[in-house]
């Protein structure tokens, strides 16, 4: 989200390839939650929510604010963050999408950017511009896996994000609510004709996508500083992940996010983070030229 907190110093032991892989998977798991919420709203509304990155920032700062009130590990804050951010998602849908859904797509594009700016400035007023850190999910120590020393936070991020993503898959595949959400995403008019309350399903989708953004903020805000302006970089990562994976593809968004994080961590360990970002955008251009439909072959039909 901001500057890395877990940078290596001259006295640290060398980082092995497996450690880098675990760090990359942890970062990618958090990115996957951001991209997942992004693509869920995209599928349900055919509009891009450009406030998604700022919602991640809001979730991180919410965890920072809750930490003194609930002096427990970050995992205990997760349910509170999920519920609070889901409520914020409902407000976002009611204020920035539903009144404009019959307007040209650019109207929603602008309204979500406006929401992001409001969140940035509100966070600056409430928290100031200084970087903040949320508590670790568990103890914040390390785990020795047969001689491989791994940060407990990395393993916890992978586990928590994996459970949240699996929960979303179960919801969509095994429940009546999930079937209604899928129907709304696939064909809103047909879903409405079949008796599905499309507006309610859109509200649920915004709540779910925003809750995942908040969870990502909590997961990232311990190992990475969170600042009011951290959302800009995150929305670009989500956009790139969805582009790489294929627009409209939920699995593609998750895979794209993992690939981005592994690329960042790998290149940063050899060169530097700015070089990694530059090469990432160069790789994106190559993918757009060579396979514009993304890795999962979805047609790029839902750009707003």
Protein backbone atom coordinates (compact mmCIF):
# COMPACT_ATOMS: atom_id res chain seq x y z
CA UNK A 1 0.00 0.00 0.00
CA UNK A 2 2.89 2.27 0.76
CA UNK A 3 6.51 1.73 1.69
CA UNK A 4 7.44 -1.80 2.64
CA UNK A 5 7.93 -2.37 6.35
CA UNK A 6 9.65 -5.74 6.01
CA UNK A 7 12.63 -4.62 3.94
CA UNK A 8 15.87 -6.55 4.28
CA UNK A 9 18.84 -4.98 6.05
CA UNK A 10 22.54 -5.67 5.67
CA UNK A 11 22.52 -7.93 8.74
CA UNK A 12 19.52 -10.03 7.66
CA UNK A 13 20.10 -13.56 6.29
CA UNK A 14 19.74 -13.91 2.53
CA UNK A 15 16.21 -14.40 1.31
CA UNK A 16 15.70 -17.73 -0.45
CA UNK A 17 13.64 -18.29 -3.56
CA UNK A 18 11.02 -20.13 -1.53
CA UNK A 19 10.73 -17.22 0.89
CA UNK A 20 10.26 -14.85 -2.03
CA UNK A 21 7.60 -17.18 -3.41
CA UNK A 22 5.69 -17.17 -0.13
CA UNK A 23 5.97 -13.38 0.14
CA UNK A 24 4.73 -13.07 -3.44
CA UNK A 25 1.81 -15.40 -2.78
CA UNK A 26 0.86 -13.41 0.32
CA UNK A 27 0.92 -10.12 -1.58
CA UNK A 28 -0.92 -11.75 -4.48
CA UNK A 29 -3.60 -13.14 -2.17
CA UNK A 30 -4.35 -9.62 -0.91
CA UNK A 31 -4.30 -8.25 -4.46
CA UNK A 32 -6.69 -11.05 -5.44
CA UNK A 33 -9.28 -9.80 -2.95
CA UNK A 34 -9.01 -6.31 -4.46
CA UNK A 35 -9.39 -7.64 -8.00
CA UNK A 36 -12.19 -10.01 -7.00
CA UNK A 37 -14.31 -7.21 -5.57
CA UNK A 38 -13.53 -5.13 -8.65
CA UNK A 39 -14.66 -7.80 -11.13
CA UNK A 40 -17.79 -8.72 -9.14
CA UNK A 41 -19.06 -5.15 -9.43
CA UNK A 42 -17.93 -4.98 -13.06
CA UNK A 43 -19.92 -8.09 -13.94
CA UNK A 44 -23.05 -7.00 -12.08
CA UNK A 45 -23.16 -3.43 -13.40
CA UNK A 46 -20.96 -3.31 -16.55
CA UNK A 47 -19.32 -0.31 -14.89
CA UNK A 48 -15.84 0.15 -13.45
CA UNK A 49 -15.67 1.07 -9.77
CA UNK A 50 -12.62 3.32 -9.66
CA UNK A 51 -13.06 3.82 -5.91
CA UNK A 52 -12.00 0.21 -5.26
CA UNK A 53 -8.40 1.12 -4.41
CA UNK A 54 -9.50 3.85 -2.02
CA UNK A 55 -11.86 1.37 -0.37
CA UNK A 56 -8.83 -0.83 0.32
CA UNK A 57 -7.16 2.19 1.91
CA UNK A 58 -10.30 2.82 3.96
CA UNK A 59 -10.29 -0.76 5.21
CA UNK A 60 -6.66 -0.47 6.26
CA UNK A 61 -7.21 2.79 8.12
CA UNK A 62 -10.36 1.40 9.73
CA UNK A 63 -8.23 -1.42 11.13
CA UNK A 64 -5.73 1.18 12.38
CA UNK A 65 -8.54 3.09 14.10
CA UNK A 66 -10.04 -0.05 15.65
CA UNK A 67 -6.74 -1.38 17.00
CA UNK A 68 -6.68 0.82 20.16
CA UNK A 69 -10.37 0.07 20.81
CA UNK A 70 -10.05 -3.69 20.31
CA UNK A 71 -6.52 -4.55 21.54
CA UNK A 72 -6.49 -7.97 19.90
CA UNK A 73 -4.69 -9.49 16.91
CA UNK A 74 -5.85 -8.32 13.51
CA UNK A 75 -7.81 -11.51 12.88
CA UNK A 76 -10.27 -10.39 15.60
CA UNK A 77 -10.76 -7.09 13.75
CA UNK A 78 -11.56 -8.82 10.45
CA UNK A 79 -15.30 -9.46 11.08
CA UNK A 80 -15.80 -5.85 12.18
CA UNK A 81 -13.97 -4.54 9.11
CA UNK A 82 -15.97 -6.81 6.79
CA UNK A 83 -19.32 -5.66 8.19
CA UNK A 84 -18.39 -1.96 8.30
CA UNK A 85 -17.00 -2.00 4.77
CA UNK A 86 -20.03 -3.92 3.45
CA UNK A 87 -22.20 -1.12 4.87
CA UNK A 88 -19.97 1.42 3.13
CA UNK A 89 -20.44 -0.54 -0.10
CA UNK A 90 -24.22 -0.17 0.21
CA UNK A 91 -23.79 3.58 0.64
CA UNK A 92 -21.52 3.67 -2.41
CA UNK A 93 -24.08 1.83 -4.54
CA UNK A 94 -26.96 4.02 -3.36
CA UNK A 95 -25.05 7.28 -3.86
CA UNK A 96 -22.74 6.71 -6.81
CA UNK A 97 -24.27 3.95 -8.94
CA UNK A 98 -28.05 3.47 -8.67
CA UNK A 99 -29.01 7.11 -9.40
CA UNK A 100 -26.77 7.01 -12.51
CA UNK A 101 -27.22 3.48 -13.83
CA UNK A 102 -29.33 4.62 -16.80
CA UNK A 103 -26.87 7.42 -17.59
CA UNK A 104 -23.90 7.02 -19.96
CA UNK A 105 -21.15 4.79 -18.46
CA UNK A 106 -18.86 7.79 -18.05
CA UNK A 107 -21.23 9.13 -15.36
CA UNK A 108 -20.55 6.14 -13.08
CA UNK A 109 -16.86 6.34 -13.98
CA UNK A 110 -16.76 9.93 -12.73
CA UNK A 111 -18.96 9.30 -9.69
CA UNK A 112 -16.73 6.51 -8.39
CA UNK A 113 -13.64 8.66 -8.93
CA UNK A 114 -15.40 11.37 -6.91
CA UNK A 115 -16.09 8.87 -4.12
CA UNK A 116 -12.41 7.91 -4.13
CA UNK A 117 -11.37 11.56 -3.80
CA UNK A 118 -13.83 12.04 -0.93
CA UNK A 119 -12.38 8.98 0.85
CA UNK A 120 -8.81 10.24 0.31
CA UNK A 121 -9.53 13.69 1.69
CA UNK A 122 -11.64 12.36 4.54
CA UNK A 123 -8.82 9.99 5.52
CA UNK A 124 -6.31 12.86 5.36
CA UNK A 125 -8.45 14.96 7.71
CA UNK A 126 -9.05 12.12 10.16
CA UNK A 127 -5.64 10.43 10.15
CA UNK A 128 -3.23 12.91 8.59
CA UNK A 129 -0.82 12.10 5.76
CA UNK A 130 1.58 10.02 7.85
CA UNK A 131 1.90 6.30 7.06
CA UNK A 132 0.10 4.02 9.51
CA UNK A 133 0.27 0.30 10.27
CA UNK A 134 -2.47 -2.09 11.45
CA UNK A 135 -1.80 -4.89 13.94
CA UNK A 136 -0.66 -8.27 12.59
CA UNK A 137 -3.27 -10.94 11.96
CA UNK A 138 -1.73 -13.17 14.63
CA UNK A 139 1.44 -12.54 16.63
CA UNK A 140 3.63 -11.02 13.95
CA UNK A 141 6.47 -13.48 14.57
CA UNK A 142 8.09 -16.05 12.30
CA UNK A 143 7.60 -19.75 11.69
CA UNK A 144 10.44 -22.22 11.12
CA UNK A 145 9.42 -24.67 8.39
CA UNK A 146 12.26 -27.16 8.31
CA UNK A 147 14.94 -24.48 8.34
CA UNK A 148 12.93 -22.05 6.21
CA UNK A 149 12.02 -19.01 8.32
CA UNK A 150 8.74 -17.50 7.10
CA UNK A 151 6.86 -14.51 8.46
CA UNK A 152 3.72 -15.64 10.25
CA UNK A 153 1.89 -12.69 8.72
CA UNK A 154 2.55 -13.99 5.19
CA UNK A 155 1.09 -17.40 5.99
CA UNK A 156 -1.89 -15.79 7.75
CA UNK A 157 -2.60 -13.53 4.76
CA UNK A 158 -2.57 -16.51 2.39
CA UNK A 159 -4.87 -18.50 4.68
CA UNK A 160 -7.37 -15.68 5.33
CA UNK A 161 -7.53 -14.57 1.70
CA UNK A 162 -7.88 -18.18 0.58
CA UNK A 163 -10.81 -18.72 2.94
CA UNK A 164 -12.53 -15.52 1.77
CA UNK A 165 -12.10 -16.43 -1.90
CA UNK A 166 -13.32 -19.98 -1.24
CA UNK A 167 -16.30 -18.53 0.63
CA UNK A 168 -17.19 -16.41 -2.39
CA UNK A 169 -16.98 -19.45 -4.66
CA UNK A 170 -19.21 -21.45 -2.31
CA UNK A 171 -21.73 -18.60 -2.11
CA UNK A 172 -22.01 -18.31 -5.88
CA UNK A 173 -22.01 -22.05 -6.59
CA UNK A 174 -24.10 -23.51 -3.77
CA UNK A 175 -26.65 -20.97 -2.57
CA UNK A 176 -29.85 -19.44 -3.93
CA UNK A 177 -28.41 -15.97 -3.30
CA UNK A 178 -25.36 -16.89 -5.32
CA UNK A 179 -27.47 -18.12 -8.23
CA UNK A 180 -29.37 -14.85 -8.20
CA UNK A 181 -26.13 -12.88 -8.12
CA UNK A 182 -24.82 -14.88 -11.09
CA UNK A 183 -28.05 -14.37 -13.01
CA UNK A 184 -27.87 -10.63 -12.40
CA UNK A 185 -24.27 -10.53 -13.64
CA UNK A 186 -25.00 -12.62 -16.74
CA UNK A 187 -28.23 -10.96 -17.95
CA UNK A 188 -29.95 -8.41 -15.68
CA UNK A 189 -33.03 -8.03 -17.90
CA UNK A 190 -33.63 -11.76 -18.14
CA UNK A 191 -33.00 -12.12 -14.40
CA UNK A 192 -35.58 -9.40 -13.69
CA UNK A 193 -38.09 -11.13 -15.98
CA UNK A 194 -37.56 -14.34 -13.97
CA UNK A 195 -38.37 -12.60 -10.70
CA UNK A 196 -34.85 -11.88 -9.46
CA UNK A 197 -34.68 -8.59 -7.50
CA UNK A 198 -31.89 -7.15 -9.62
CA UNK A 199 -31.47 -3.91 -7.66
CA UNK A 200 -31.12 -5.82 -4.41
CA UNK A 201 -28.56 -8.14 -6.00
CA UNK A 202 -26.55 -5.15 -7.20
CA UNK A 203 -26.56 -3.79 -3.66
CA UNK A 204 -25.35 -7.14 -2.35
CA UNK A 205 -22.60 -7.22 -4.98
CA UNK A 206 -21.36 -3.76 -3.98
CA UNK A 207 -21.42 -4.80 -0.32
CA UNK A 208 -19.46 -7.98 -1.09
CA UNK A 209 -16.91 -6.25 -3.31
CA UNK A 210 -16.35 -3.48 -0.78
CA UNK A 211 -16.03 -5.96 2.08
CA UNK A 212 -13.29 -7.77 0.14
CA UNK A 213 -11.55 -4.43 -0.46
CA UNK A 214 -11.67 -3.74 3.28
CA UNK A 215 -10.30 -7.19 4.07
CA UNK A 216 -7.43 -6.59 1.66
CA UNK A 217 -6.72 -3.29 3.42
CA UNK A 218 -6.52 -5.07 6.78
CA UNK A 219 -4.25 -7.77 5.35
CA UNK A 220 -1.89 -5.29 3.69
CA UNK A 221 -1.77 -2.61 6.39
CA UNK A 222 0.56 -4.48 8.73
CA UNK A 223 3.45 -5.31 6.40
CA UNK A 224 2.89 -2.22 4.27
CA UNK A 225 2.29 1.30 5.46
CA UNK A 226 -1.17 2.66 4.62
CA UNK A 227 -1.64 6.30 3.68
CA UNK A 228 -4.69 8.24 2.44
CA UNK A 229 -3.26 8.25 -1.10
CA UNK A 230 -2.47 4.52 -1.24
CA UNK A 231 -5.57 3.65 -3.27
CA UNK A 232 -4.33 4.90 -6.64
CA UNK A 233 -1.69 2.21 -6.98
CA UNK A 234 -4.10 -0.51 -5.85
CA UNK A 235 -6.85 0.30 -8.35
CA UNK A 236 -4.25 0.11 -11.12
CA UNK A 237 -3.18 -3.31 -9.86
CA UNK A 238 -6.79 -4.49 -9.84
CA UNK A 239 -7.35 -3.12 -13.34
CA UNK A 240 -4.21 -4.84 -14.61
CA UNK A 241 -5.15 -8.12 -12.90
CA UNK A 242 -8.58 -8.11 -14.54
CA UNK A 243 -7.06 -7.22 -17.92
CA UNK A 244 -4.50 -10.03 -17.67
CA UNK A 245 -7.00 -12.60 -16.43
CA UNK A 246 -9.77 -11.66 -18.84
CA UNK A 247 -12.55 -9.13 -18.36
CA UNK A 248 -15.48 -10.73 -16.60
CA UNK A 249 -13.51 -13.76 -15.39
CA UNK A 250 -13.46 -14.21 -11.61
CA UNK A 251 -10.76 -16.93 -11.69
CA UNK A 252 -8.83 -14.79 -14.16
CA UNK A 253 -8.84 -11.83 -11.77
CA UNK A 254 -7.41 -14.01 -8.99
CA UNK A 255 -4.74 -15.54 -11.24
CA UNK A 256 -3.86 -12.13 -12.68
CA UNK A 257 -3.42 -10.70 -9.18
CA UNK A 258 -1.13 -13.57 -8.17
CA UNK A 259 0.97 -13.15 -11.31
CA UNK A 260 1.34 -9.41 -10.70
CA UNK A 261 2.50 -9.92 -7.11
CA UNK A 262 4.94 -12.70 -7.97
CA UNK A 263 6.37 -10.52 -10.75
CA UNK A 264 6.71 -7.53 -8.41
CA UNK A 265 8.39 -9.48 -5.63
CA UNK A 266 10.70 -11.37 -7.98
CA UNK A 267 11.90 -8.37 -9.96
CA UNK A 268 12.14 -6.15 -6.87
CA UNK A 269 14.42 -8.70 -5.18
CA UNK A 270 16.81 -8.63 -8.15
CA UNK A 271 16.56 -5.00 -9.27
CA UNK A 272 14.23 -2.52 -7.53
CA UNK A 273 10.56 -1.79 -6.99
CA UNK A 274 10.42 1.12 -9.52
CA UNK A 275 12.00 -1.13 -12.14
CA UNK A 276 9.48 -3.87 -11.30
CA UNK A 277 6.60 -1.42 -11.81
CA UNK A 278 8.02 -0.23 -15.12
CA UNK A 279 8.46 -3.78 -16.39
CA UNK A 280 4.97 -4.69 -15.15
CA UNK A 281 3.39 -1.99 -17.29
CA UNK A 282 5.57 -2.99 -20.22
CA UNK A 283 4.38 -6.59 -19.80
CA UNK A 284 0.79 -5.35 -19.72
CA UNK A 285 1.29 -3.62 -23.08
CA UNK A 286 2.68 -6.84 -24.54
CA UNK A 287 -0.30 -8.83 -23.25
CA UNK A 288 -2.75 -6.28 -24.65
CA UNK A 289 -1.09 -6.57 -28.04
CA UNK A 290 -0.65 -10.35 -28.06
CA UNK A 291 -3.80 -11.48 -26.22
CA UNK A 292 -6.21 -8.58 -25.59
CA UNK A 293 -8.93 -10.95 -24.33
CA UNK A 294 -6.74 -11.97 -21.39
CA UNK A 295 -5.44 -15.35 -20.28
CA UNK A 296 -8.89 -16.82 -19.74
CA UNK A 297 -10.17 -15.75 -23.13
CA UNK A 298 -13.06 -13.52 -22.04
CA UNK A 299 -14.00 -10.88 -24.57
CA UNK A 300 -13.18 -7.37 -23.42
CA UNK A 301 -16.80 -6.31 -23.56
CA UNK A 302 -17.36 -4.60 -20.22
CA UNK A 303 -15.16 -1.57 -20.30
CA UNK A 304 -16.74 1.57 -18.96
